[in-house]
Every structure is written in structure tokens, then in C-alpha cells.
Amino acid sequence: MIPLIGYKRELDILRDRIDHVCQEVITTKGTAVAYTVGTMIEVPRAALVADTIATTADFFSFGTNDLTQMTLGISRDDAGKFLTEYVNQGIYPQDPFRVTRSDRSWLVS
């Protein structure tokens, strides 16, 4: 799994490298090994263009904490200093790092 991909071309290049190295190892060792190449969708841009990245990736994993941090421009490590006040004042209806996946619709509304 390749982290932090934002462009399909990045994954294309890295997939080519991975496939090349895997083929070398398979040839050298004389043993075929099944493998898959995927990416973690952690960058908002990757989420927006996931359909194009999917043409290269065998699978996706979604980094919801990283997506939340990058989308809102806040770090969960530092947010504790102000997040309660944001919720109290109605800026955020709830802590974005503590909501379930099904409750995240307010992040984009």
C-alpha cells in the first residue's frame, strides 16, 4: 500500500517500479508470489480523483483521520486546545475526529 498519493501518475510510476522489482524477485527465486498494489486515500485531491486512481490501484484504504485533518486544516494533535469551543459555538456540530463514517456528511455541507 502506497501512502499519500494525490495524482494517478504518481501511482503509475510507483506501480511500475513495484511490478519490476517483484518480477525480478520472482525470477531470481523461481517462485511466483501473488501481490496487489494499492494506495491509501489520505489526501483530499486523491478522494476527488479516486475514479482515475482506481484504474491503476488494485485496492484503496481510506485514511479518515488524515483526510479530516487535511480537509479542515486542523491537526487532531493540536485541536484539543480549541475544538471543544468550536463545538460549543456551533462552528462544528461535533468533534470531526470522533464521528462515525456515516455521520461525516456535515463535513461537506
PDB file of N, CA and C in Angstrom:
ATOM      1  N   MET A   1       0.850  -1.168   0.000  1.00  0.00           N
ATOM      2  CA  MET A   1       0.000   0.000   0.000  1.00  0.00           C
ATOM      3  C   MET A   1       0.900   1.237   0.000  1.00  0.00           C
ATOM      4  N   ILE A   2       0.656   2.097  -0.960  1.00  0.00           N
ATOM      5  CA  ILE A   2       1.453   3.313  -1.116  1.00  0.00           C
ATOM      6  C   ILE A   2       0.682   4.478  -0.495  1.00  0.00           C
ATOM      7  N   PRO A   3       1.292   5.192   0.439  1.00  0.00           N
ATOM      8  CA  PRO A   3       0.593   6.296   1.097  1.00  0.00           C
ATOM      9  C   PRO A   3       0.680   7.599   0.316  1.00  0.00           C
ATOM     10  N   LEU A   4      -0.237   8.491   0.636  1.00  0.00           N
ATOM     11  CA  LEU A   4      -0.186   9.897   0.215  1.00  0.00           C
ATOM     12  C   LEU A   4      -0.157  10.143  -1.286  1.00  0.00           C
ATOM     13  N   ILE A   5      -0.824   9.312  -2.043  1.00  0.00           N
ATOM     14  CA  ILE A   5      -0.928   9.530  -3.487  1.00  0.00           C
ATOM     15  C   ILE A   5      -1.950  10.636  -3.747  1.00  0.00           C
ATOM     16  N   GLY A   6      -1.619  11.547  -4.616  1.00  0.00           N
ATOM     17  CA  GLY A   6      -2.559  12.603  -4.976  1.00  0.00           C
ATOM     18  C   GLY A   6      -2.861  12.647  -6.468  1.00  0.00           C
ATOM     19  N   TYR A   7      -1.986  12.003  -7.237  1.00  0.00           N
ATOM     20  CA  TYR A   7      -2.113  12.001  -8.693  1.00  0.00           C
ATOM     21  C   TYR A   7      -1.986  10.579  -9.212  1.00  0.00           C
ATOM     22  N   LYS A   8      -2.767  10.248 -10.210  1.00  0.00           N
ATOM     23  CA  LYS A   8      -2.703   8.924 -10.819  1.00  0.00           C
ATOM     24  C   LYS A   8      -1.290   8.640 -11.324  1.00  0.00           C
ATOM     25  N   ARG A   9      -0.656   9.622 -11.914  1.00  0.00           N
ATOM     26  CA  ARG A   9       0.695   9.440 -12.472  1.00  0.00           C
ATOM     27  C   ARG A   9       1.676   8.985 -11.386  1.00  0.00           C
ATOM     28  N   GLU A  10       1.545   9.501 -10.164  1.00  0.00           N
ATOM     29  CA  GLU A  10       2.408   9.051  -9.060  1.00  0.00           C
ATOM     30  C   GLU A  10       2.278   7.541  -8.872  1.00  0.00           C
ATOM     31  N   LEU A  11       1.025   7.090  -8.805  1.00  0.00           N
ATOM     32  CA  LEU A  11       0.783   5.669  -8.594  1.00  0.00           C
ATOM     33  C   LEU A  11       1.234   4.853  -9.796  1.00  0.00           C
ATOM     34  N   ASP A  12       1.043   5.382 -11.000  1.00  0.00           N
ATOM     35  CA  ASP A  12       1.517   4.687 -12.203  1.00  0.00           C
ATOM     36  C   ASP A  12       3.023   4.417 -12.114  1.00  0.00           C
ATOM     37  N   ILE A  13       3.777   5.437 -11.771  1.00  0.00           N
ATOM     38  CA  ILE A  13       5.242   5.315 -11.688  1.00  0.00           C
ATOM     39  C   ILE A  13       5.641   4.324 -10.600  1.00  0.00           C
ATOM     40  N   LEU A  14       5.046   4.469  -9.432  1.00  0.00           N
ATOM     41  CA  LEU A  14       5.405   3.583  -8.328  1.00  0.00           C
ATOM     42  C   LEU A  14       4.962   2.144  -8.589  1.00  0.00           C
ATOM     43  N   ARG A  15       3.810   1.989  -9.214  1.00  0.00           N
ATOM     44  CA  ARG A  15       3.344   0.634  -9.546  1.00  0.00           C
ATOM     45  C   ARG A  15       4.305  -0.025 -10.526  1.00  0.00           C
ATOM     46  N   ASP A  16       4.764   0.724 -11.510  1.00  0.00           N
ATOM     47  CA  ASP A  16       5.738   0.173 -12.455  1.00  0.00           C
ATOM     48  C   ASP A  16       7.002  -0.295 -11.729  1.00  0.00           C
ATOM     49  N   ARG A  17       7.476   0.508 -10.789  1.00  0.00           N
ATOM     50  CA  ARG A  17       8.671   0.135 -10.018  1.00  0.00           C
ATOM     51  C   ARG A  17       8.420  -1.119  -9.190  1.00  0.00           C
ATOM     52  N   ILE A  18       7.283  -1.169  -8.516  1.00  0.00           N
ATOM     53  CA  ILE A  18       6.936  -2.322  -7.689  1.00  0.00           C
ATOM     54  C   ILE A  18       6.829  -3.579  -8.551  1.00  0.00           C
ATOM     55  N   ASP A  19       6.122  -3.476  -9.667  1.00  0.00           N
ATOM     56  CA  ASP A  19       5.976  -4.631 -10.554  1.00  0.00           C
ATOM     57  C   ASP A  19       7.334  -5.113 -11.061  1.00  0.00           C
ATOM     58  N   HIS A  20       8.203  -4.177 -11.398  1.00  0.00           N
ATOM     59  CA  HIS A  20       9.534  -4.538 -11.889  1.00  0.00           C
ATOM     60  C   HIS A  20      10.319  -5.289 -10.813  1.00  0.00           C
ATOM     61  N   VAL A  21      10.341  -4.758  -9.605  1.00  0.00           N
ATOM     62  CA  VAL A  21      11.082  -5.401  -8.513  1.00  0.00           C
ATOM     63  C   VAL A  21      10.473  -6.764  -8.185  1.00  0.00           C
ATOM     64  N   CYS A  22       9.157  -6.840  -8.144  1.00  0.00           N
ATOM     65  CA  CYS A  22       8.510  -8.124  -7.864  1.00  0.00           C
ATOM     66  C   CYS A  22       8.850  -9.159  -8.915  1.00  0.00           C
ATOM     67  N   GLN A  23       8.870  -8.762 -10.188  1.00  0.00           N
ATOM     68  CA  GLN A  23       9.220  -9.703 -11.252  1.00  0.00           C
ATOM     69  C   GLN A  23      10.677 -10.163 -11.126  1.00  0.00           C
ATOM     70  N   GLU A  24      11.558  -9.250 -10.740  1.00  0.00           N
ATOM     71  CA  GLU A  24      12.962  -9.632 -10.522  1.00  0.00           C
ATOM     72  C   GLU A  24      13.076 -10.660  -9.399  1.00  0.00           C
ATOM     73  N   VAL A  25      12.373 -10.432  -8.307  1.00  0.00           N
ATOM     74  CA  VAL A  25      12.420 -11.358  -7.175  1.00  0.00           C
ATOM     75  C   VAL A  25      11.822 -12.705  -7.563  1.00  0.00           C
ATOM     76  N   ILE A  26      10.702 -12.682  -8.261  1.00  0.00           N
ATOM     77  CA  ILE A  26      10.061 -13.924  -8.693  1.00  0.00           C
ATOM     78  C   ILE A  26      10.992 -14.712  -9.612  1.00  0.00           C
ATOM     79  N   THR A  27      11.640 -14.016 -10.540  1.00  0.00           N
ATOM     80  CA  THR A  27      12.569 -14.669 -11.463  1.00  0.00           C
ATOM     81  C   THR A  27      13.784 -15.220 -10.719  1.00  0.00           C
ATOM     82  N   THR A  28      14.343 -14.417  -9.836  1.00  0.00           N
ATOM     83  CA  THR A  28      15.532 -14.825  -9.088  1.00  0.00           C
ATOM     84  C   THR A  28      15.251 -16.001  -8.171  1.00  0.00           C
ATOM     85  N   LYS A  29      14.127 -15.956  -7.496  1.00  0.00           N
ATOM     86  CA  LYS A  29      13.794 -17.010  -6.526  1.00  0.00           C
ATOM     87  C   LYS A  29      13.087 -18.200  -7.163  1.00  0.00           C
ATOM     88  N   GLY A  30      12.573 -18.008  -8.356  1.00  0.00           N
ATOM     89  CA  GLY A  30      11.886 -19.097  -9.035  1.00  0.00           C
ATOM     90  C   GLY A  30      10.545 -19.458  -8.422  1.00  0.00           C
ATOM     91  N   THR A  31       9.979 -18.536  -7.697  1.00  0.00           N
ATOM     92  CA  THR A  31       8.687 -18.776  -7.044  1.00  0.00           C
ATOM     93  C   THR A  31       7.761 -17.606  -7.318  1.00  0.00           C
ATOM     94  N   ALA A  32       6.604 -17.914  -7.860  1.00  0.00           N
ATOM     95  CA  ALA A  32       5.613 -16.865  -8.114  1.00  0.00           C
ATOM     96  C   ALA A  32       4.918 -16.499  -6.801  1.00  0.00           C
ATOM     97  N   VAL A  33       4.745 -15.230  -6.599  1.00  0.00           N
ATOM     98  CA  VAL A  33       4.075 -14.726  -5.402  1.00  0.00           C
ATOM     99  C   VAL A  33       2.971 -13.784  -5.853  1.00  0.00           C
ATOM    100  N   ALA A  34       1.779 -14.040  -5.379  1.00  0.00           N
ATOM    101  CA  ALA A  34       0.666 -13.139  -5.699  1.00  0.00           C
ATOM    102  C   ALA A  34       0.788 -11.893  -4.827  1.00  0.00           C
ATOM    103  N   TYR A  35       0.588 -10.750  -5.428  1.00  0.00           N
ATOM    104  CA  TYR A  35       0.623  -9.500  -4.678  1.00  0.00           C
ATOM    105  C   TYR A  35      -0.354  -8.520  -5.299  1.00  0.00           C
ATOM    106  N   THR A  36      -0.726  -7.542  -4.536  1.00  0.00           N
ATOM    107  CA  THR A  36      -1.567  -6.460  -5.032  1.00  0.00           C
ATOM    108  C   THR A  36      -0.900  -5.143  -4.690  1.00  0.00           C
ATOM    109  N   VAL A  37      -1.237  -4.122  -5.451  1.00  0.00           N
ATOM    110  CA  VAL A  37      -0.701  -2.784  -5.223  1.00  0.00           C
ATOM    111  C   VAL A  37      -1.880  -1.844  -5.048  1.00  0.00           C
ATOM    112  N   GLY A  38      -1.883  -1.164  -3.940  1.00  0.00           N
ATOM    113  CA  GLY A  38      -2.955  -0.219  -3.671  1.00  0.00           C
ATOM    114  C   GLY A  38      -2.426   1.048  -3.049  1.00  0.00           C
ATOM    115  N   THR A  39      -3.344   1.898  -2.685  1.00  0.00           N
ATOM    116  CA  THR A  39      -2.968   3.176  -2.091  1.00  0.00           C
ATOM    117  C   THR A  39      -3.922   3.551  -0.972  1.00  0.00           C
ATOM    118  N   MET A  40      -3.402   4.343  -0.060  1.00  0.00           N
ATOM    119  CA  MET A  40      -4.246   4.883   0.985  1.00  0.00           C
ATOM    120  C   MET A  40      -4.707   6.270   0.530  1.00  0.00           C
ATOM    121  N   ILE A  41      -6.003   6.442   0.490  1.00  0.00           N
ATOM    122  CA  ILE A  41      -6.572   7.737   0.110  1.00  0.00           C
ATOM    123  C   ILE A  41      -6.562   8.611   1.363  1.00  0.00           C
ATOM    124  N   GLU A  42      -5.545   9.468   1.455  1.00  0.00           N
ATOM    125  CA  GLU A  42      -5.347  10.319   2.619  1.00  0.00           C
ATOM    126  C   GLU A  42      -5.373  11.805   2.266  1.00  0.00           C
ATOM    127  N   VAL A  43      -5.201  12.098   0.987  1.00  0.00           N
ATOM    128  CA  VAL A  43      -5.113  13.468   0.518  1.00  0.00           C
ATOM    129  C   VAL A  43      -6.447  13.830  -0.139  1.00  0.00           C
ATOM    130  N   PRO A  44      -7.035  14.972   0.217  1.00  0.00           N
ATOM    131  CA  PRO A  44      -8.325  15.325  -0.382  1.00  0.00           C
ATOM    132  C   PRO A  44      -8.340  15.233  -1.903  1.00  0.00           C
ATOM    133  N   ARG A  45      -7.275  15.625  -2.557  1.00  0.00           N
ATOM    134  CA  ARG A  45      -7.239  15.531  -4.014  1.00  0.00           C
ATOM    135  C   ARG A  45      -7.422  14.093  -4.474  1.00  0.00           C
ATOM    136  N   ALA A  46      -6.814  13.152  -3.781  1.00  0.00           N
ATOM    137  CA  ALA A  46      -6.958  11.740  -4.145  1.00  0.00           C
ATOM    138  C   ALA A  46      -8.407  11.285  -4.023  1.00  0.00           C
ATOM    139  N   ALA A  47      -9.100  11.776  -3.023  1.00  0.00           N
ATOM    140  CA  ALA A  47     -10.511  11.420  -2.864  1.00  0.00           C
ATOM    141  C   ALA A  47     -11.330  11.953  -4.040  1.00  0.00           C
ATOM    142  N   LEU A  48     -10.970  13.137  -4.519  1.00  0.00           N
ATOM    143  CA  LEU A  48     -11.704  13.747  -5.624  1.00  0.00           C
ATOM    144  C   LEU A  48     -11.454  13.055  -6.966  1.00  0.00           C
ATOM    145  N   VAL A  49     -10.277  12.477  -7.122  1.00  0.00           N
ATOM    146  CA  VAL A  49      -9.937  11.824  -8.392  1.00  0.00           C
ATOM    147  C   VAL A  49      -9.766  10.314  -8.219  1.00  0.00           C
ATOM    148  N   ALA A  50     -10.399   9.763  -7.208  1.00  0.00           N
ATOM    149  CA  ALA A  50     -10.265   8.334  -6.912  1.00  0.00           C
ATOM    150  C   ALA A  50     -10.663   7.463  -8.094  1.00  0.00           C
ATOM    151  N   ASP A  51     -11.614   7.928  -8.885  1.00  0.00           N
ATOM    152  CA  ASP A  51     -12.035   7.125 -10.039  1.00  0.00           C
ATOM    153  C   ASP A  51     -10.892   6.928 -11.031  1.00  0.00           C
ATOM    154  N   THR A  52     -10.058   7.926 -11.219  1.00  0.00           N
ATOM    155  CA  THR A  52      -8.927   7.764 -12.144  1.00  0.00           C
ATOM    156  C   THR A  52      -7.798   6.966 -11.495  1.00  0.00           C
ATOM    157  N   ILE A  53      -7.561   7.190 -10.206  1.00  0.00           N
ATOM    158  CA  ILE A  53      -6.530   6.427  -9.495  1.00  0.00           C
ATOM    159  C   ILE A  53      -6.901   4.944  -9.471  1.00  0.00           C
ATOM    160  N   ALA A  54      -8.195   4.664  -9.426  1.00  0.00           N
ATOM    161  CA  ALA A  54      -8.676   3.277  -9.359  1.00  0.00           C
ATOM    162  C   ALA A  54      -8.293   2.469 -10.589  1.00  0.00           C
ATOM    163  N   THR A  55      -7.991   3.127 -11.694  1.00  0.00           N
ATOM    164  CA  THR A  55      -7.603   2.379 -12.894  1.00  0.00           C
ATOM    165  C   THR A  55      -6.215   1.764 -12.746  1.00  0.00           C
ATOM    166  N   THR A  56      -5.436   2.238 -11.787  1.00  0.00           N
ATOM    167  CA  THR A  56      -4.105   1.699 -11.519  1.00  0.00           C
ATOM    168  C   THR A  56      -4.064   0.876 -10.237  1.00  0.00           C
ATOM    169  N   ALA A  57      -4.835   1.263  -9.240  1.00  0.00           N
ATOM    170  CA  ALA A  57      -4.803   0.600  -7.934  1.00  0.00           C
ATOM    171  C   ALA A  57      -5.625  -0.680  -7.932  1.00  0.00           C
ATOM    172  N   ASP A  58      -5.113  -1.685  -7.232  1.00  0.00           N
ATOM    173  CA  ASP A  58      -5.883  -2.908  -7.017  1.00  0.00           C
ATOM    174  C   ASP A  58      -6.870  -2.736  -5.864  1.00  0.00           C
ATOM    175  N   PHE A  59      -6.541  -1.813  -4.954  1.00  0.00           N
ATOM    176  CA  PHE A  59      -7.411  -1.573  -3.804  1.00  0.00           C
ATOM    177  C   PHE A  59      -7.130  -0.192  -3.229  1.00  0.00           C
ATOM    178  N   PHE A  60      -8.068   0.277  -2.432  1.00  0.00           N
ATOM    179  CA  PHE A  60      -7.928   1.531  -1.683  1.00  0.00           C
ATOM    180  C   PHE A  60      -8.083   1.245  -0.194  1.00  0.00           C
ATOM    181  N   SER A  61      -7.451   2.054   0.590  1.00  0.00           N
ATOM    182  CA  SER A  61      -7.715   2.142   2.014  1.00  0.00           C
ATOM    183  C   SER A  61      -7.909   3.627   2.277  1.00  0.00           C
ATOM    184  N   PHE A  62      -8.857   3.973   3.098  1.00  0.00           N
ATOM    185  CA  PHE A  62      -9.134   5.383   3.346  1.00  0.00           C
ATOM    186  C   PHE A  62      -8.591   5.801   4.698  1.00  0.00           C
ATOM    187  N   GLY A  63      -7.729   6.813   4.693  1.00  0.00           N
ATOM    188  CA  GLY A  63      -7.172   7.368   5.919  1.00  0.00           C
ATOM    189  C   GLY A  63      -8.063   8.492   6.414  1.00  0.00           C
ATOM    190  N   THR A  64      -9.111   8.135   7.134  1.00  0.00           N
ATOM    191  CA  THR A  64     -10.105   9.142   7.508  1.00  0.00           C
ATOM    192  C   THR A  64      -9.549  10.224   8.426  1.00  0.00           C
ATOM    193  N   ASN A  65      -8.631   9.887   9.331  1.00  0.00           N
ATOM    194  CA  ASN A  65      -8.052  10.933  10.177  1.00  0.00           C
ATOM    195  C   ASN A  65      -7.240  11.914   9.346  1.00  0.00           C
ATOM    196  N   ASP A  66      -6.419  11.388   8.424  1.00  0.00           N
ATOM    197  CA  ASP A  66      -5.624  12.273   7.571  1.00  0.00           C
ATOM    198  C   ASP A  66      -6.518  13.109   6.660  1.00  0.00           C
ATOM    199  N   LEU A  67      -7.543  12.497   6.093  1.00  0.00           N
ATOM    200  CA  LEU A  67      -8.468  13.252   5.248  1.00  0.00           C
ATOM    201  C   LEU A  67      -9.151  14.364   6.036  1.00  0.00           C
ATOM    202  N   THR A  68      -9.575  14.059   7.251  1.00  0.00           N
ATOM    203  CA  THR A  68     -10.220  15.069   8.092  1.00  0.00           C
ATOM    204  C   THR A  68      -9.250  16.198   8.408  1.00  0.00           C
ATOM    205  N   GLN A  69      -8.031  15.845   8.790  1.00  0.00           N
ATOM    206  CA  GLN A  69      -7.034  16.867   9.129  1.00  0.00           C
ATOM    207  C   GLN A  69      -6.727  17.770   7.935  1.00  0.00           C
ATOM    208  N   MET A  70      -6.516  17.159   6.768  1.00  0.00           N
ATOM    209  CA  MET A  70      -6.144  17.955   5.594  1.00  0.00           C
ATOM    210  C   MET A  70      -7.326  18.756   5.051  1.00  0.00           C
ATOM    211  N   THR A  71      -8.523  18.186   5.123  1.00  0.00           N
ATOM    212  CA  THR A  71      -9.696  18.888   4.606  1.00  0.00           C
ATOM    213  C   THR A  71     -10.045  20.098   5.452  1.00  0.00           C
ATOM    214  N   LEU A  72      -9.974  19.926   6.764  1.00  0.00           N
ATOM    215  CA  LEU A  72     -10.338  21.023   7.665  1.00  0.00           C
ATOM    216  C   LEU A  72      -9.147  21.907   8.038  1.00  0.00           C
ATOM    217  N   GLY A  73      -7.943  21.463   7.719  1.00  0.00           N
ATOM    218  CA  GLY A  73      -6.757  22.256   8.050  1.00  0.00           C
ATOM    219  C   GLY A  73      -6.459  22.281   9.534  1.00  0.00           C
ATOM    220  N   ILE A  74      -6.830  21.221  10.242  1.00  0.00           N
ATOM    221  CA  ILE A  74      -6.540  21.144  11.675  1.00  0.00           C
ATOM    222  C   ILE A  74      -5.867  19.814  11.976  1.00  0.00           C
ATOM    223  N   SER A  75      -5.047  19.819  12.984  1.00  0.00           N
ATOM    224  CA  SER A  75      -4.365  18.616  13.425  1.00  0.00           C
ATOM    225  C   SER A  75      -5.084  18.058  14.638  1.00  0.00           C
ATOM    226  N   ARG A  76      -5.358  16.776  14.639  1.00  0.00           N
ATOM    227  CA  ARG A  76      -6.028  16.187  15.804  1.00  0.00           C
ATOM    228  C   ARG A  76      -5.142  16.278  17.037  1.00  0.00           C
ATOM    229  N   ASP A  77      -3.820  16.404  16.841  1.00  0.00           N
ATOM    230  CA  ASP A  77      -2.911  16.545  17.977  1.00  0.00           C
ATOM    231  C   ASP A  77      -3.050  17.899  18.658  1.00  0.00           C
ATOM    232  N   ASP A  78      -3.365  18.943  17.877  1.00  0.00           N
ATOM    233  CA  ASP A  78      -3.479  20.290  18.423  1.00  0.00           C
ATOM    234  C   ASP A  78      -4.920  20.736  18.627  1.00  0.00           C
ATOM    235  N   ALA A  79      -5.856  20.054  18.006  1.00  0.00           N
ATOM    236  CA  ALA A  79      -7.252  20.504  18.009  1.00  0.00           C
ATOM    237  C   ALA A  79      -7.876  20.506  19.402  1.00  0.00           C
ATOM    238  N   GLY A  80      -7.359  19.699  20.302  1.00  0.00           N
ATOM    239  CA  GLY A  80      -7.899  19.658  21.657  1.00  0.00           C
ATOM    240  C   GLY A  80      -7.879  21.010  22.355  1.00  0.00           C
ATOM    241  N   LYS A  81      -7.023  21.897  21.910  1.00  0.00           N
ATOM    242  CA  LYS A  81      -6.909  23.230  22.513  1.00  0.00           C
ATOM    243  C   LYS A  81      -8.089  24.132  22.174  1.00  0.00           C
ATOM    244  N   PHE A  82      -8.770  23.853  21.057  1.00  0.00           N
ATOM    245  CA  PHE A  82      -9.858  24.743  20.638  1.00  0.00           C
ATOM    246  C   PHE A  82     -11.120  24.018  20.174  1.00  0.00           C
ATOM    247  N   LEU A  83     -11.047  22.733  19.955  1.00  0.00           N
ATOM    248  CA  LEU A  83     -12.155  22.013  19.338  1.00  0.00           C
ATOM    249  C   LEU A  83     -13.430  22.033  20.174  1.00  0.00           C
ATOM    250  N   THR A  84     -13.310  21.903  21.472  1.00  0.00           N
ATOM    251  CA  THR A  84     -14.496  21.951  22.335  1.00  0.00           C
ATOM    252  C   THR A  84     -15.208  23.289  22.180  1.00  0.00           C
ATOM    253  N   GLU A  85     -14.457  24.354  22.090  1.00  0.00           N
ATOM    254  CA  GLU A  85     -15.057  25.682  21.922  1.00  0.00           C
ATOM    255  C   GLU A  85     -15.715  25.816  20.548  1.00  0.00           C
ATOM    256  N   TYR A  86     -15.123  25.236  19.516  1.00  0.00           N
ATOM    257  CA  TYR A  86     -15.736  25.237  18.184  1.00  0.00           C
ATOM    258  C   TYR A  86     -17.080  24.507  18.197  1.00  0.00           C
ATOM    259  N   VAL A  87     -17.128  23.399  18.903  1.00  0.00           N
ATOM    260  CA  VAL A  87     -18.387  22.656  19.010  1.00  0.00           C
ATOM    261  C   VAL A  87     -19.389  23.462  19.831  1.00  0.00           C
ATOM    262  N   ASN A  88     -18.948  24.019  20.954  1.00  0.00           N
ATOM    263  CA  ASN A  88     -19.838  24.818  21.822  1.00  0.00           C
ATOM    264  C   ASN A  88     -20.424  26.022  21.093  1.00  0.00           C
ATOM    265  N   GLN A  89     -19.652  26.633  20.202  1.00  0.00           N
ATOM    266  CA  GLN A  89     -20.127  27.813  19.474  1.00  0.00           C
ATOM    267  C   GLN A  89     -20.835  27.453  18.160  1.00  0.00           C
ATOM    268  N   GLY A  90     -20.949  26.167  17.875  1.00  0.00           N
ATOM    269  CA  GLY A  90     -21.674  25.748  16.686  1.00  0.00           C
ATOM    270  C   GLY A  90     -20.894  25.840  15.390  1.00  0.00           C
ATOM    271  N   ILE A  91     -19.589  26.055  15.468  1.00  0.00           N
ATOM    272  CA  ILE A  91     -18.768  26.072  14.252  1.00  0.00           C
ATOM    273  C   ILE A  91     -18.753  24.662  13.661  1.00  0.00           C
ATOM    274  N   TYR A  92     -18.519  23.676  14.511  1.00  0.00           N
ATOM    275  CA  TYR A  92     -18.639  22.258  14.149  1.00  0.00           C
ATOM    276  C   TYR A  92     -19.775  21.686  14.984  1.00  0.00           C
ATOM    277  N   PRO A  93     -20.652  20.886  14.376  1.00  0.00           N
ATOM    278  CA  PRO A  93     -21.729  20.295  15.157  1.00  0.00           C
ATOM    279  C   PRO A  93     -21.228  19.216  16.118  1.00  0.00           C
ATOM    280  N   GLN A  94     -20.050  18.670  15.828  1.00  0.00           N
ATOM    281  CA  GLN A  94     -19.433  17.664  16.697  1.00  0.00           C
ATOM    282  C   GLN A  94     -17.950  17.569  16.370  1.00  0.00           C
ATOM    283  N   ASP A  95     -17.230  16.884  17.205  1.00  0.00           N
ATOM    284  CA  ASP A  95     -15.803  16.685  17.001  1.00  0.00           C
ATOM    285  C   ASP A  95     -15.610  15.864  15.722  1.00  0.00           C
ATOM    286  N   PRO A  96     -14.970  16.422  14.692  1.00  0.00           N
ATOM    287  CA  PRO A  96     -14.826  15.702  13.423  1.00  0.00           C
ATOM    288  C   PRO A  96     -13.946  14.461  13.512  1.00  0.00           C
ATOM    289  N   PHE A  97     -13.154  14.351  14.568  1.00  0.00           N
ATOM    290  CA  PHE A  97     -12.300  13.179  14.734  1.00  0.00           C
ATOM    291  C   PHE A  97     -12.982  12.068  15.516  1.00  0.00           C
ATOM    292  N   ARG A  98     -14.190  12.331  16.012  1.00  0.00           N
ATOM    293  CA  ARG A  98     -14.883  11.346  16.829  1.00  0.00           C
ATOM    294  C   ARG A  98     -16.216  10.897  16.246  1.00  0.00           C
ATOM    295  N   VAL A  99     -16.510  11.286  15.029  1.00  0.00           N
ATOM    296  CA  VAL A  99     -17.777  10.891  14.417  1.00  0.00           C
ATOM    297  C   VAL A  99     -17.590   9.608  13.618  1.00  0.00           C
ATOM    298  N   THR A 100     -18.670   8.885  13.440  1.00  0.00           N
ATOM    299  CA  THR A 100     -18.602   7.672  12.633  1.00  0.00           C
ATOM    300  C   THR A 100     -18.595   8.053  11.162  1.00  0.00           C
ATOM    301  N   ARG A 101     -18.230   7.134  10.326  1.00  0.00           N
ATOM    302  CA  ARG A 101     -18.174   7.386   8.885  1.00  0.00           C
ATOM    303  C   ARG A 101     -19.523   7.827   8.346  1.00  0.00           C
ATOM    304  N   SER A 102     -20.594   7.240   8.858  1.00  0.00           N
ATOM    305  CA  SER A 102     -21.923   7.591   8.347  1.00  0.00           C
ATOM    306  C   SER A 102     -22.356   8.984   8.794  1.00  0.00           C
ATOM    307  N   ASP A 103     -21.712   9.527   9.814  1.00  0.00           N
ATOM    308  CA  ASP A 103     -22.083  10.848  10.321  1.00  0.00           C
ATOM    309  C   ASP A 103     -21.255  11.984   9.734  1.00  0.00           C
ATOM    310  N   ARG A 104     -20.407  11.726   8.759  1.00  0.00           N
ATOM    311  CA  ARG A 104     -19.468  12.738   8.247  1.00  0.00           C
ATOM    312  C   ARG A 104     -20.053  13.647   7.173  1.00  0.00           C
ATOM    313  N   SER A 105     -21.315  13.508   6.853  1.00  0.00           N
ATOM    314  CA  SER A 105     -21.887  14.318   5.765  1.00  0.00           C
ATOM    315  C   SER A 105     -21.812  15.812   6.038  1.00  0.00           C
ATOM    316  N   TRP A 106     -21.838  16.210   7.294  1.00  0.00           N
ATOM    317  CA  TRP A 106     -21.782  17.636   7.627  1.00  0.00           C
ATOM    318  C   TRP A 106     -20.428  18.251   7.267  1.00  0.00           C
ATOM    319  N   LEU A 107     -19.412  17.418   7.071  1.00  0.00           N
ATOM    320  CA  LEU A 107     -18.081  17.940   6.717  1.00  0.00           C
ATOM    321  C   LEU A 107     -18.078  18.600   5.353  1.00  0.00           C
ATOM    322  N   VAL A 108     -19.012  18.216   4.486  1.00  0.00           N
ATOM    323  CA  VAL A 108     -19.022  18.775   3.139  1.00  0.00           C
ATOM    324  C   VAL A 108     -20.280  19.593   2.866  1.00  0.00           C
ATOM    325  N   SER A 109     -21.124  19.777   3.846  1.00  0.00           N
ATOM    326  CA  SER A 109     -22.352  20.551   3.605  1.00  0.00           C
ATOM    327  C   SER A 109     -22.194  21.997   4.052  1.00  0.00           C
TER     328      SER A 109
END
